[in-house]
N, C-alpha and C. Protein backbone atom coordinates (compact mmCIF):
# COMPACT_ATOMS: atom_id res chain seq x y z
N MET A 1 -46.37 33.46 33.44
CA MET A 1 -46.25 34.37 34.57
C MET A 1 -45.09 35.33 34.33
N ILE A 2 -45.35 36.60 34.31
CA ILE A 2 -44.31 37.60 34.12
C ILE A 2 -43.99 38.20 35.47
N GLY A 3 -42.73 38.18 35.85
CA GLY A 3 -42.33 38.68 37.16
C GLY A 3 -41.57 39.97 37.06
N ALA A 4 -41.87 40.89 37.96
CA ALA A 4 -41.16 42.16 38.03
C ALA A 4 -40.07 42.04 39.09
N PRO A 5 -38.78 42.22 38.73
CA PRO A 5 -37.70 42.05 39.70
C PRO A 5 -37.61 43.21 40.68
N HIS A 6 -37.33 42.90 41.95
CA HIS A 6 -37.13 43.91 42.99
C HIS A 6 -35.91 43.49 43.80
N GLY A 7 -34.70 43.71 43.27
CA GLY A 7 -33.49 43.32 43.99
C GLY A 7 -33.37 41.83 44.11
N ASP A 8 -33.57 41.29 45.33
CA ASP A 8 -33.37 39.87 45.55
C ASP A 8 -34.68 39.07 45.53
N TYR A 9 -35.76 39.66 45.03
CA TYR A 9 -37.01 38.92 44.88
C TYR A 9 -37.76 39.41 43.64
N ARG A 10 -38.77 38.66 43.26
CA ARG A 10 -39.55 38.94 42.06
C ARG A 10 -41.03 38.81 42.38
N VAL A 11 -41.84 39.75 41.88
CA VAL A 11 -43.29 39.69 42.07
C VAL A 11 -43.94 39.21 40.78
N SER A 12 -44.70 38.13 40.87
CA SER A 12 -45.36 37.55 39.70
C SER A 12 -46.86 37.47 39.92
N ARG A 13 -47.58 37.53 38.82
CA ARG A 13 -49.03 37.31 38.88
C ARG A 13 -49.30 35.89 38.40
N GLY A 14 -49.95 35.13 39.25
CA GLY A 14 -50.19 33.73 38.94
C GLY A 14 -49.08 32.87 39.49
N VAL A 15 -49.45 31.68 39.94
CA VAL A 15 -48.46 30.74 40.45
C VAL A 15 -48.67 29.39 39.78
N ASP A 16 -47.62 28.60 39.76
CA ASP A 16 -47.71 27.24 39.26
C ASP A 16 -48.59 26.44 40.22
N PRO A 17 -49.48 25.59 39.70
CA PRO A 17 -50.33 24.78 40.60
C PRO A 17 -49.54 24.01 41.65
N ALA A 18 -48.29 23.65 41.34
CA ALA A 18 -47.46 22.93 42.30
C ALA A 18 -47.10 23.79 43.50
N GLN A 19 -47.26 25.12 43.39
CA GLN A 19 -46.92 26.03 44.49
C GLN A 19 -48.12 26.35 45.39
N LEU A 20 -49.30 25.84 45.04
CA LEU A 20 -50.50 26.20 45.79
C LEU A 20 -50.46 25.72 47.23
N ARG A 21 -49.79 24.61 47.49
CA ARG A 21 -49.66 24.14 48.87
C ARG A 21 -48.89 25.16 49.71
N ALA A 22 -47.79 25.70 49.16
CA ALA A 22 -47.01 26.71 49.88
C ALA A 22 -47.81 27.99 50.07
N VAL A 23 -48.60 28.35 49.06
CA VAL A 23 -49.46 29.53 49.17
C VAL A 23 -50.48 29.34 50.29
N ALA A 24 -51.10 28.15 50.33
CA ALA A 24 -52.11 27.86 51.34
C ALA A 24 -51.51 27.88 52.75
N GLU A 25 -50.30 27.37 52.90
CA GLU A 25 -49.64 27.38 54.21
C GLU A 25 -49.39 28.80 54.69
N LEU A 26 -48.96 29.67 53.76
CA LEU A 26 -48.70 31.07 54.13
C LEU A 26 -50.01 31.78 54.45
N PHE A 27 -51.05 31.51 53.68
CA PHE A 27 -52.37 32.10 53.91
C PHE A 27 -52.93 31.67 55.27
N TYR A 28 -52.69 30.41 55.65
CA TYR A 28 -53.27 29.88 56.88
C TYR A 28 -52.77 30.62 58.11
N GLY A 29 -51.52 31.10 58.08
CA GLY A 29 -50.94 31.77 59.24
C GLY A 29 -51.86 32.81 59.86
N PRO A 30 -52.19 33.91 59.14
CA PRO A 30 -53.03 34.95 59.73
C PRO A 30 -54.53 34.70 59.62
N PHE A 31 -54.95 33.84 58.66
CA PHE A 31 -56.39 33.72 58.39
C PHE A 31 -56.99 32.39 58.83
N GLY A 32 -56.19 31.34 58.86
CA GLY A 32 -56.74 30.01 59.07
C GLY A 32 -57.49 29.82 60.37
N ARG A 33 -56.89 30.26 61.48
CA ARG A 33 -57.54 30.04 62.77
C ARG A 33 -58.81 30.88 62.92
N LYS A 34 -58.83 32.05 62.28
CA LYS A 34 -60.04 32.88 62.34
C LYS A 34 -61.19 32.25 61.56
N LEU A 35 -60.85 31.52 60.49
CA LEU A 35 -61.88 30.90 59.65
C LEU A 35 -62.15 29.46 60.04
N SER A 36 -61.39 28.96 61.02
CA SER A 36 -61.53 27.57 61.45
C SER A 36 -62.93 27.27 61.97
N GLY A 37 -63.51 26.20 61.47
CA GLY A 37 -64.84 25.81 61.90
C GLY A 37 -65.96 26.56 61.21
N VAL A 38 -65.61 27.60 60.45
CA VAL A 38 -66.62 28.38 59.73
C VAL A 38 -66.49 28.09 58.23
N LEU A 39 -65.43 28.63 57.63
CA LEU A 39 -65.18 28.37 56.21
C LEU A 39 -64.15 27.28 56.00
N LEU A 40 -63.35 27.02 57.03
CA LEU A 40 -62.30 26.01 56.93
C LEU A 40 -62.47 24.99 58.06
N PRO A 41 -62.03 23.74 57.83
CA PRO A 41 -62.10 22.75 58.92
C PRO A 41 -61.18 23.10 60.07
N ARG A 42 -61.46 22.54 61.24
CA ARG A 42 -60.68 22.88 62.43
C ARG A 42 -59.26 22.29 62.39
N ARG A 43 -59.10 21.16 61.74
CA ARG A 43 -57.78 20.55 61.66
C ARG A 43 -56.90 21.31 60.68
N GLN A 44 -55.73 21.71 61.11
CA GLN A 44 -54.86 22.57 60.30
C GLN A 44 -54.51 21.92 58.95
N GLU A 45 -54.13 20.66 58.98
CA GLU A 45 -53.74 20.00 57.73
C GLU A 45 -54.91 19.95 56.74
N ALA A 46 -56.10 19.64 57.25
CA ALA A 46 -57.27 19.59 56.38
C ALA A 46 -57.60 20.98 55.82
N ALA A 47 -57.43 22.01 56.66
CA ALA A 47 -57.70 23.38 56.22
C ALA A 47 -56.73 23.82 55.13
N ILE A 48 -55.45 23.49 55.30
CA ILE A 48 -54.45 23.86 54.30
C ILE A 48 -54.69 23.10 53.00
N ARG A 49 -55.02 21.83 53.11
CA ARG A 49 -55.26 21.01 51.92
C ARG A 49 -56.47 21.53 51.15
N LEU A 50 -57.54 21.90 51.86
CA LEU A 50 -58.73 22.42 51.19
C LEU A 50 -58.44 23.77 50.52
N THR A 51 -57.73 24.65 51.22
CA THR A 51 -57.39 25.95 50.65
C THR A 51 -56.55 25.77 49.39
N ALA A 52 -55.57 24.88 49.43
CA ALA A 52 -54.70 24.66 48.26
C ALA A 52 -55.49 24.14 47.07
N SER A 53 -56.46 23.27 47.33
CA SER A 53 -57.25 22.70 46.24
C SER A 53 -58.26 23.68 45.68
N ALA A 54 -58.66 24.67 46.50
CA ALA A 54 -59.72 25.58 46.10
C ALA A 54 -59.23 26.87 45.45
N LEU A 55 -57.97 27.24 45.71
CA LEU A 55 -57.45 28.50 45.16
C LEU A 55 -57.33 28.43 43.64
N CYS A 56 -57.63 29.54 42.99
CA CYS A 56 -57.43 29.67 41.55
C CYS A 56 -56.03 30.25 41.34
N PRO A 57 -55.11 29.53 40.71
CA PRO A 57 -53.72 29.99 40.59
C PRO A 57 -53.57 31.37 39.98
N GLY A 58 -54.44 31.72 39.04
CA GLY A 58 -54.33 33.01 38.36
C GLY A 58 -54.71 34.19 39.22
N GLU A 59 -55.36 33.94 40.38
CA GLU A 59 -55.79 35.02 41.25
C GLU A 59 -54.74 35.34 42.32
N VAL A 60 -53.60 34.65 42.28
CA VAL A 60 -52.57 34.81 43.31
C VAL A 60 -51.39 35.61 42.78
N TYR A 61 -51.00 36.63 43.52
CA TYR A 61 -49.74 37.34 43.26
C TYR A 61 -48.73 36.80 44.25
N ALA A 62 -47.52 36.55 43.78
CA ALA A 62 -46.52 35.94 44.64
C ALA A 62 -45.19 36.69 44.55
N ALA A 63 -44.55 36.86 45.70
CA ALA A 63 -43.19 37.38 45.77
C ALA A 63 -42.29 36.21 46.12
N MET A 64 -41.30 35.94 45.26
CA MET A 64 -40.40 34.81 45.48
C MET A 64 -38.95 35.26 45.33
N ASP A 65 -38.07 34.61 46.10
CA ASP A 65 -36.66 34.91 45.93
C ASP A 65 -36.14 34.16 44.71
N HIS A 66 -34.86 34.32 44.41
CA HIS A 66 -34.30 33.75 43.19
C HIS A 66 -34.21 32.22 43.24
N ASP A 67 -34.42 31.64 44.44
CA ASP A 67 -34.44 30.18 44.57
C ASP A 67 -35.86 29.62 44.50
N GLY A 68 -36.84 30.51 44.27
CA GLY A 68 -38.22 30.07 44.18
C GLY A 68 -38.92 29.92 45.51
N VAL A 69 -38.32 30.44 46.58
CA VAL A 69 -38.95 30.37 47.92
C VAL A 69 -39.99 31.48 48.03
N LEU A 70 -41.18 31.11 48.47
CA LEU A 70 -42.29 32.06 48.59
C LEU A 70 -42.06 33.00 49.76
N MET A 71 -42.10 34.30 49.50
CA MET A 71 -41.87 35.30 50.54
C MET A 71 -43.14 36.06 50.91
N GLY A 72 -44.07 36.14 49.99
CA GLY A 72 -45.32 36.86 50.25
C GLY A 72 -46.35 36.53 49.19
N ILE A 73 -47.62 36.68 49.54
CA ILE A 73 -48.71 36.42 48.59
C ILE A 73 -49.78 37.50 48.73
N ALA A 74 -50.50 37.73 47.67
CA ALA A 74 -51.70 38.56 47.70
C ALA A 74 -52.73 37.87 46.81
N ILE A 75 -53.95 37.78 47.28
CA ILE A 75 -55.01 37.12 46.52
C ILE A 75 -56.01 38.19 46.11
N VAL A 76 -56.25 38.28 44.80
CA VAL A 76 -57.07 39.35 44.25
C VAL A 76 -58.28 38.77 43.53
N ARG A 77 -59.41 39.36 43.80
CA ARG A 77 -60.64 38.91 43.16
C ARG A 77 -61.08 39.92 42.10
N GLY A 78 -61.40 39.37 40.93
CA GLY A 78 -61.99 40.19 39.87
C GLY A 78 -63.44 39.79 39.73
N ARG A 79 -63.81 39.25 38.57
CA ARG A 79 -65.19 38.84 38.36
C ARG A 79 -65.44 37.40 38.81
N ALA A 80 -64.38 36.63 39.02
CA ALA A 80 -64.53 35.24 39.46
C ALA A 80 -64.27 35.12 40.95
N PRO A 81 -64.88 34.13 41.63
CA PRO A 81 -64.59 33.92 43.05
C PRO A 81 -63.13 33.57 43.26
N VAL A 82 -62.60 33.89 44.45
CA VAL A 82 -61.22 33.58 44.76
C VAL A 82 -61.06 32.09 45.02
N LEU A 83 -62.01 31.50 45.74
CA LEU A 83 -61.97 30.08 46.05
C LEU A 83 -62.97 29.33 45.19
N CYS A 84 -62.50 28.27 44.56
CA CYS A 84 -63.35 27.47 43.68
C CYS A 84 -63.24 26.00 44.07
N PRO A 85 -63.73 25.63 45.25
CA PRO A 85 -63.58 24.24 45.70
C PRO A 85 -64.53 23.31 44.95
N CYS A 86 -64.16 22.06 44.84
CA CYS A 86 -65.08 21.07 44.28
C CYS A 86 -65.73 20.31 45.44
N ARG A 87 -66.87 19.70 45.17
CA ARG A 87 -67.64 19.05 46.22
C ARG A 87 -66.82 17.97 46.93
N ALA A 88 -66.08 17.19 46.16
CA ALA A 88 -65.31 16.09 46.76
C ALA A 88 -64.30 16.60 47.78
N ASP A 89 -63.65 17.74 47.50
CA ASP A 89 -62.66 18.28 48.43
C ASP A 89 -63.31 18.80 49.71
N VAL A 90 -64.49 19.42 49.58
CA VAL A 90 -65.20 19.93 50.75
C VAL A 90 -65.67 18.77 51.64
N VAL A 91 -66.19 17.73 51.01
CA VAL A 91 -66.64 16.56 51.76
C VAL A 91 -65.45 15.88 52.44
N ASP A 92 -64.33 15.80 51.75
CA ASP A 92 -63.14 15.19 52.32
C ASP A 92 -62.65 15.97 53.54
N ALA A 93 -62.77 17.30 53.49
CA ALA A 93 -62.27 18.15 54.58
C ALA A 93 -63.20 18.15 55.79
N PHE A 94 -64.52 18.17 55.56
CA PHE A 94 -65.47 18.33 56.66
C PHE A 94 -66.21 17.04 57.03
N GLY A 95 -66.11 16.02 56.21
CA GLY A 95 -66.90 14.82 56.44
C GLY A 95 -68.14 14.82 55.54
N ARG A 96 -68.72 13.65 55.40
CA ARG A 96 -69.80 13.48 54.42
C ARG A 96 -71.00 14.37 54.68
N LEU A 97 -71.51 14.37 55.92
CA LEU A 97 -72.71 15.14 56.22
C LEU A 97 -72.43 16.64 56.26
N SER A 98 -71.48 17.05 57.11
CA SER A 98 -71.16 18.47 57.24
C SER A 98 -70.64 19.04 55.93
N GLY A 99 -69.79 18.27 55.24
CA GLY A 99 -69.24 18.73 53.98
C GLY A 99 -70.30 18.89 52.92
N GLY A 100 -71.25 17.95 52.87
CA GLY A 100 -72.34 18.05 51.89
C GLY A 100 -73.19 19.29 52.13
N LEU A 101 -73.49 19.57 53.40
CA LEU A 101 -74.30 20.75 53.72
C LEU A 101 -73.54 22.04 53.40
N ARG A 102 -72.26 22.09 53.72
CA ARG A 102 -71.46 23.28 53.45
C ARG A 102 -71.32 23.50 51.94
N TRP A 103 -71.16 22.43 51.20
CA TRP A 103 -71.07 22.57 49.75
C TRP A 103 -72.36 23.13 49.17
N LEU A 104 -73.50 22.67 49.69
CA LEU A 104 -74.79 23.16 49.22
C LEU A 104 -74.93 24.66 49.50
N VAL A 105 -74.56 25.08 50.73
CA VAL A 105 -74.62 26.50 51.10
C VAL A 105 -73.69 27.32 50.21
N TYR A 106 -72.48 26.82 50.01
CA TYR A 106 -71.51 27.54 49.18
C TYR A 106 -72.03 27.69 47.75
N SER A 107 -72.58 26.61 47.19
CA SER A 107 -73.07 26.64 45.82
C SER A 107 -74.19 27.66 45.65
N LEU A 108 -75.10 27.68 46.63
CA LEU A 108 -76.20 28.65 46.56
C LEU A 108 -75.68 30.08 46.69
N ALA A 109 -74.70 30.28 47.58
CA ALA A 109 -74.14 31.62 47.79
C ALA A 109 -73.45 32.11 46.52
N VAL A 110 -72.72 31.23 45.85
CA VAL A 110 -72.02 31.64 44.62
C VAL A 110 -73.01 31.99 43.53
N ARG A 111 -74.08 31.21 43.42
CA ARG A 111 -75.07 31.47 42.37
C ARG A 111 -75.80 32.79 42.60
N ARG A 112 -76.06 33.10 43.87
CA ARG A 112 -76.83 34.30 44.17
C ARG A 112 -75.98 35.55 44.33
N ALA A 113 -74.68 35.36 44.50
CA ALA A 113 -73.80 36.51 44.70
C ALA A 113 -73.74 37.38 43.45
N ARG A 114 -73.77 38.66 43.66
CA ARG A 114 -73.64 39.59 42.54
C ARG A 114 -72.18 39.64 42.12
N PRO A 115 -71.91 39.46 40.83
CA PRO A 115 -70.51 39.51 40.39
C PRO A 115 -69.92 40.90 40.58
N TYR A 116 -68.63 40.94 40.83
CA TYR A 116 -67.96 42.23 40.95
C TYR A 116 -68.06 42.94 39.61
N PRO A 117 -68.29 44.26 39.61
CA PRO A 117 -68.26 44.97 38.35
C PRO A 117 -66.87 44.88 37.72
N ARG A 118 -66.84 44.94 36.40
CA ARG A 118 -65.57 44.82 35.69
C ARG A 118 -64.58 45.90 36.11
N SER A 119 -65.09 46.99 36.65
CA SER A 119 -64.24 48.12 37.01
C SER A 119 -63.61 48.00 38.39
N THR A 120 -63.91 46.91 39.13
CA THR A 120 -63.46 46.80 40.52
C THR A 120 -62.62 45.55 40.73
N ARG A 121 -61.58 45.67 41.53
CA ARG A 121 -60.79 44.53 41.99
C ARG A 121 -60.80 44.55 43.52
N SER A 122 -60.82 43.37 44.11
CA SER A 122 -60.84 43.27 45.57
C SER A 122 -59.64 42.46 46.04
N ILE A 123 -58.86 43.02 46.95
CA ILE A 123 -57.74 42.29 47.54
C ILE A 123 -58.27 41.50 48.73
N GLU A 124 -58.30 40.18 48.59
CA GLU A 124 -58.91 39.32 49.60
C GLU A 124 -57.93 38.91 50.71
N GLY A 125 -56.66 39.09 50.47
CA GLY A 125 -55.69 38.75 51.49
C GLY A 125 -54.29 39.09 51.01
N LEU A 126 -53.48 39.64 51.91
CA LEU A 126 -52.08 39.95 51.60
C LEU A 126 -51.25 39.53 52.80
N VAL A 127 -50.27 38.66 52.56
CA VAL A 127 -49.45 38.12 53.64
C VAL A 127 -47.99 38.14 53.22
N VAL A 128 -47.13 38.61 54.11
CA VAL A 128 -45.68 38.54 53.89
C VAL A 128 -45.10 37.66 54.99
N ARG A 129 -44.28 36.70 54.59
CA ARG A 129 -43.66 35.81 55.56
C ARG A 129 -42.90 36.63 56.60
N GLU A 130 -43.02 36.26 57.86
CA GLU A 130 -42.43 37.04 58.95
C GLU A 130 -40.94 37.30 58.74
N SER A 131 -40.22 36.30 58.28
CA SER A 131 -38.77 36.44 58.08
C SER A 131 -38.41 37.33 56.90
N SER A 132 -39.41 37.68 56.08
CA SER A 132 -39.16 38.49 54.88
C SER A 132 -39.69 39.91 55.02
N ARG A 133 -40.20 40.27 56.18
CA ARG A 133 -40.79 41.59 56.35
C ARG A 133 -39.72 42.68 56.44
N GLY A 134 -40.12 43.91 56.12
CA GLY A 134 -39.20 45.03 56.18
C GLY A 134 -38.36 45.19 54.93
N ARG A 135 -38.73 44.49 53.84
CA ARG A 135 -37.96 44.56 52.60
C ARG A 135 -38.78 45.13 51.44
N GLY A 136 -39.94 45.71 51.77
CA GLY A 136 -40.76 46.34 50.74
C GLY A 136 -41.59 45.39 49.91
N ILE A 137 -41.76 44.15 50.39
CA ILE A 137 -42.47 43.14 49.60
C ILE A 137 -43.96 43.47 49.49
N GLY A 138 -44.57 43.86 50.61
CA GLY A 138 -45.99 44.22 50.57
C GLY A 138 -46.24 45.38 49.63
N THR A 139 -45.39 46.40 49.68
CA THR A 139 -45.53 47.54 48.79
C THR A 139 -45.36 47.12 47.34
N ALA A 140 -44.37 46.27 47.06
CA ALA A 140 -44.12 45.83 45.69
C ALA A 140 -45.31 45.05 45.13
N MET A 141 -45.93 44.20 45.95
CA MET A 141 -47.09 43.45 45.48
C MET A 141 -48.27 44.39 45.22
N LEU A 142 -48.49 45.35 46.12
CA LEU A 142 -49.56 46.31 45.91
C LEU A 142 -49.35 47.11 44.63
N GLU A 143 -48.13 47.55 44.40
CA GLU A 143 -47.83 48.32 43.19
C GLU A 143 -48.12 47.50 41.94
N ARG A 144 -47.78 46.22 41.96
CA ARG A 144 -48.05 45.35 40.81
C ARG A 144 -49.56 45.16 40.62
N ILE A 145 -50.29 44.96 41.71
CA ILE A 145 -51.75 44.81 41.63
C ILE A 145 -52.38 46.07 41.04
N ILE A 146 -51.95 47.23 41.53
CA ILE A 146 -52.49 48.50 41.04
C ILE A 146 -52.18 48.68 39.56
N GLU A 147 -50.96 48.37 39.17
CA GLU A 147 -50.57 48.50 37.76
C GLU A 147 -51.42 47.61 36.86
N ASP A 148 -51.60 46.34 37.26
CA ASP A 148 -52.39 45.41 36.47
C ASP A 148 -53.85 45.85 36.39
N ALA A 149 -54.38 46.31 37.52
CA ALA A 149 -55.78 46.75 37.55
C ALA A 149 -55.99 47.92 36.58
N ARG A 150 -55.07 48.87 36.58
CA ARG A 150 -55.17 50.01 35.67
C ARG A 150 -55.10 49.55 34.21
N LEU A 151 -54.16 48.66 33.91
CA LEU A 151 -53.99 48.18 32.54
C LEU A 151 -55.23 47.43 32.05
N GLU A 152 -55.96 46.80 32.98
CA GLU A 152 -57.15 46.04 32.61
C GLU A 152 -58.42 46.88 32.65
N GLY A 153 -58.27 48.18 32.90
CA GLY A 153 -59.42 49.08 32.85
C GLY A 153 -60.19 49.23 34.13
N ALA A 154 -59.70 48.67 35.24
CA ALA A 154 -60.39 48.86 36.52
C ALA A 154 -60.18 50.29 36.99
N HIS A 155 -61.18 50.84 37.68
CA HIS A 155 -61.00 52.19 38.19
C HIS A 155 -60.99 52.26 39.71
N GLU A 156 -61.10 51.07 40.38
CA GLU A 156 -61.00 51.10 41.84
C GLU A 156 -60.58 49.74 42.39
N LEU A 157 -59.88 49.81 43.51
CA LEU A 157 -59.49 48.63 44.27
C LEU A 157 -60.11 48.74 45.65
N GLU A 158 -60.52 47.61 46.22
CA GLU A 158 -61.03 47.66 47.58
C GLU A 158 -60.53 46.47 48.38
N LEU A 159 -60.57 46.61 49.68
CA LEU A 159 -60.17 45.53 50.59
C LEU A 159 -60.83 45.76 51.93
N VAL A 160 -60.92 44.70 52.72
CA VAL A 160 -61.52 44.76 54.05
C VAL A 160 -60.54 44.16 55.06
N VAL A 161 -60.26 44.91 56.13
CA VAL A 161 -59.33 44.43 57.16
C VAL A 161 -59.88 44.77 58.54
N GLY A 162 -59.35 44.08 59.55
CA GLY A 162 -59.71 44.39 60.91
C GLY A 162 -59.00 45.65 61.39
N ASP A 163 -59.59 46.32 62.37
CA ASP A 163 -59.04 47.61 62.81
C ASP A 163 -57.69 47.47 63.51
N THR A 164 -57.31 46.26 63.91
CA THR A 164 -56.01 46.07 64.57
C THR A 164 -54.92 45.59 63.60
N ASN A 165 -55.25 45.46 62.34
CA ASN A 165 -54.29 44.94 61.36
C ASN A 165 -53.20 45.97 61.09
N PRO A 166 -51.92 45.64 61.37
CA PRO A 166 -50.84 46.61 61.15
C PRO A 166 -50.63 46.97 59.69
N ALA A 167 -51.16 46.13 58.76
CA ALA A 167 -51.01 46.43 57.33
C ALA A 167 -51.81 47.66 56.92
N ARG A 168 -52.67 48.16 57.82
CA ARG A 168 -53.43 49.37 57.50
C ARG A 168 -52.49 50.52 57.12
N ARG A 169 -51.35 50.61 57.79
CA ARG A 169 -50.40 51.69 57.49
C ARG A 169 -49.90 51.60 56.06
N LEU A 170 -49.67 50.37 55.61
CA LEU A 170 -49.22 50.17 54.22
C LEU A 170 -50.30 50.60 53.24
N TYR A 171 -51.54 50.16 53.48
CA TYR A 171 -52.63 50.51 52.57
C TYR A 171 -52.83 52.02 52.50
N GLU A 172 -52.79 52.66 53.64
CA GLU A 172 -52.99 54.11 53.68
C GLU A 172 -51.83 54.85 53.02
N ARG A 173 -50.64 54.30 53.12
CA ARG A 173 -49.48 54.94 52.52
C ARG A 173 -49.56 54.96 50.99
N VAL A 174 -50.18 53.92 50.40
CA VAL A 174 -50.28 53.89 48.94
C VAL A 174 -51.55 54.57 48.43
N GLY A 175 -52.39 55.07 49.37
CA GLY A 175 -53.53 55.87 48.94
C GLY A 175 -54.91 55.33 49.26
N PHE A 176 -55.02 54.14 49.88
CA PHE A 176 -56.33 53.62 50.26
C PHE A 176 -56.93 54.47 51.38
N THR A 177 -58.24 54.66 51.33
CA THR A 177 -58.95 55.40 52.37
C THR A 177 -60.14 54.58 52.87
N VAL A 178 -60.49 54.76 54.13
CA VAL A 178 -61.61 54.03 54.73
C VAL A 178 -62.92 54.64 54.25
N ILE A 179 -63.81 53.79 53.72
CA ILE A 179 -65.12 54.27 53.26
C ILE A 179 -66.27 53.69 54.08
N LYS A 180 -65.96 52.67 54.93
CA LYS A 180 -67.03 52.03 55.68
C LYS A 180 -66.46 51.32 56.89
N ARG A 181 -67.19 51.35 58.00
CA ARG A 181 -66.82 50.64 59.22
C ARG A 181 -67.99 49.77 59.66
N GLY A 182 -67.67 48.59 60.19
CA GLY A 182 -68.72 47.71 60.68
C GLY A 182 -68.22 46.83 61.81
N GLY A 183 -69.06 46.61 62.81
CA GLY A 183 -68.68 45.78 63.94
C GLY A 183 -68.75 44.30 63.62
N VAL A 184 -68.10 43.49 64.44
CA VAL A 184 -68.12 42.04 64.25
C VAL A 184 -68.85 41.33 65.40
N GLY A 185 -69.43 42.11 66.31
CA GLY A 185 -70.26 41.55 67.38
C GLY A 185 -69.54 40.53 68.24
N PRO A 186 -70.16 39.35 68.44
CA PRO A 186 -69.59 38.34 69.36
C PRO A 186 -68.32 37.69 68.84
N PHE A 187 -67.94 37.97 67.58
CA PHE A 187 -66.73 37.35 67.02
C PHE A 187 -65.48 38.16 67.32
N ALA A 188 -65.60 39.26 68.06
CA ALA A 188 -64.46 40.15 68.31
C ALA A 188 -63.30 39.41 68.96
N ARG A 189 -63.57 38.61 69.98
CA ARG A 189 -62.47 37.91 70.67
C ARG A 189 -61.81 36.90 69.74
N ARG A 190 -62.61 36.18 68.98
CA ARG A 190 -62.06 35.17 68.08
C ARG A 190 -61.23 35.79 66.97
N PHE A 191 -61.73 36.89 66.38
CA PHE A 191 -61.04 37.51 65.26
C PHE A 191 -59.88 38.39 65.70
N GLY A 192 -59.93 38.88 66.94
CA GLY A 192 -58.87 39.75 67.41
C GLY A 192 -59.04 41.21 67.02
N PHE A 193 -60.23 41.59 66.62
CA PHE A 193 -60.52 43.00 66.32
C PHE A 193 -62.02 43.25 66.52
N LYS A 194 -62.37 44.52 66.72
CA LYS A 194 -63.76 44.88 66.99
C LYS A 194 -64.48 45.44 65.77
N GLU A 195 -63.70 45.96 64.81
CA GLU A 195 -64.30 46.58 63.63
C GLU A 195 -63.68 46.05 62.35
N LEU A 196 -64.53 45.93 61.31
CA LEU A 196 -64.05 45.66 59.97
C LEU A 196 -64.04 46.98 59.21
N LEU A 197 -62.92 47.29 58.59
CA LEU A 197 -62.78 48.53 57.83
C LEU A 197 -62.72 48.21 56.35
N THR A 198 -63.57 48.86 55.57
CA THR A 198 -63.53 48.72 54.12
C THR A 198 -62.74 49.88 53.55
N TYR A 199 -61.66 49.54 52.85
CA TYR A 199 -60.80 50.54 52.21
C TYR A 199 -61.04 50.56 50.71
N LYS A 200 -60.86 51.73 50.12
CA LYS A 200 -60.98 51.85 48.66
C LYS A 200 -59.87 52.74 48.13
N LEU A 201 -59.36 52.35 46.96
CA LEU A 201 -58.37 53.17 46.25
C LEU A 201 -58.94 53.48 44.88
N GLN A 202 -59.15 54.78 44.62
CA GLN A 202 -59.68 55.20 43.33
C GLN A 202 -58.52 55.31 42.35
N LEU A 203 -58.56 54.51 41.27
CA LEU A 203 -57.49 54.51 40.29
C LEU A 203 -57.68 55.62 39.27
N VAL A 204 -58.91 55.83 38.85
CA VAL A 204 -59.27 56.97 37.99
C VAL A 204 -60.62 57.47 38.47
N THR A 205 -60.97 58.68 38.17
CA THR A 205 -62.27 59.20 38.56
C THR A 205 -63.37 58.49 37.77
N ARG A 206 -64.56 58.49 38.31
CA ARG A 206 -65.68 57.84 37.62
C ARG A 206 -65.94 58.49 36.26
N ASP A 207 -65.82 59.82 36.20
CA ASP A 207 -66.02 60.51 34.91
C ASP A 207 -64.98 60.07 33.89
N ALA A 208 -63.73 59.93 34.36
CA ALA A 208 -62.66 59.50 33.46
C ALA A 208 -62.90 58.07 32.99
N TRP A 209 -63.40 57.22 33.92
CA TRP A 209 -63.70 55.84 33.56
C TRP A 209 -64.79 55.78 32.49
N GLN A 210 -65.84 56.56 32.66
CA GLN A 210 -66.93 56.57 31.69
C GLN A 210 -66.45 57.10 30.33
N ALA A 211 -65.56 58.08 30.37
CA ALA A 211 -65.01 58.62 29.12
C ALA A 211 -64.17 57.57 28.40
N LEU A 212 -63.39 56.79 29.17
CA LEU A 212 -62.59 55.72 28.57
C LEU A 212 -63.48 54.65 27.95
N ARG A 213 -64.57 54.31 28.63
CA ARG A 213 -65.50 53.31 28.09
C ARG A 213 -66.14 53.81 26.80
N ALA A 214 -66.53 55.08 26.80
CA ALA A 214 -67.15 55.65 25.61
C ALA A 214 -66.16 55.65 24.44
N GLU A 215 -64.91 56.00 24.75
CA GLU A 215 -63.88 56.01 23.72
C GLU A 215 -63.65 54.63 23.14
N GLY A 216 -63.63 53.63 24.04
CA GLY A 216 -63.44 52.26 23.57
C GLY A 216 -64.58 51.78 22.73
N ALA A 217 -65.82 52.15 23.10
CA ALA A 217 -67.00 51.72 22.33
C ALA A 217 -67.03 52.36 20.95
N ALA A 218 -66.44 53.56 20.84
CA ALA A 218 -66.47 54.28 19.57
C ALA A 218 -65.45 53.73 18.56
N ARG A 219 -64.48 52.96 19.05
CA ARG A 219 -63.44 52.43 18.15
C ARG A 219 -63.94 51.26 17.35
């Protein structure tokens, strides 16, 4: 894991597996209750344990202080799923019957899902610990994600957020624009927003991307 220093914290891509519990706890804050009973079990401890066991360490960007305390996380999806749970963990979290059915649905969904194109990265979640906000951590993580995506040949980043999410200002400040809006119907009260907004950041133009691919193929 190579970390980029930013004063009193460092942004790294990838986390040690021993840190996944802390990552899951931070992720649970804004997302856990919204996913409770749907993708995650209703019990907080079970939800955190399942998230920690299912996360792929290499898909996590982390901001940590010099003592190794987690200050913020961002989870990025490339061609692999962000969550990779095993059947035993799902059954343990939901119970034998419910867990078995959920695992079957998940397995079918993963098999049928179209893989992300190599040119696209998706930010599945970005969280900064409340006590660490206002220090540029969200911006620093986004800058690192954008830099890595460019170096790996991606030409666009995308993310989906609710219309009430205050992080929208951050995304728009670094250049993301809304390309799609969609309602959430009866889930509005539970989720705390009425619309899902899909944002996209174009890293290079499509013509430039195709030219780069052609150049690479010619070498």
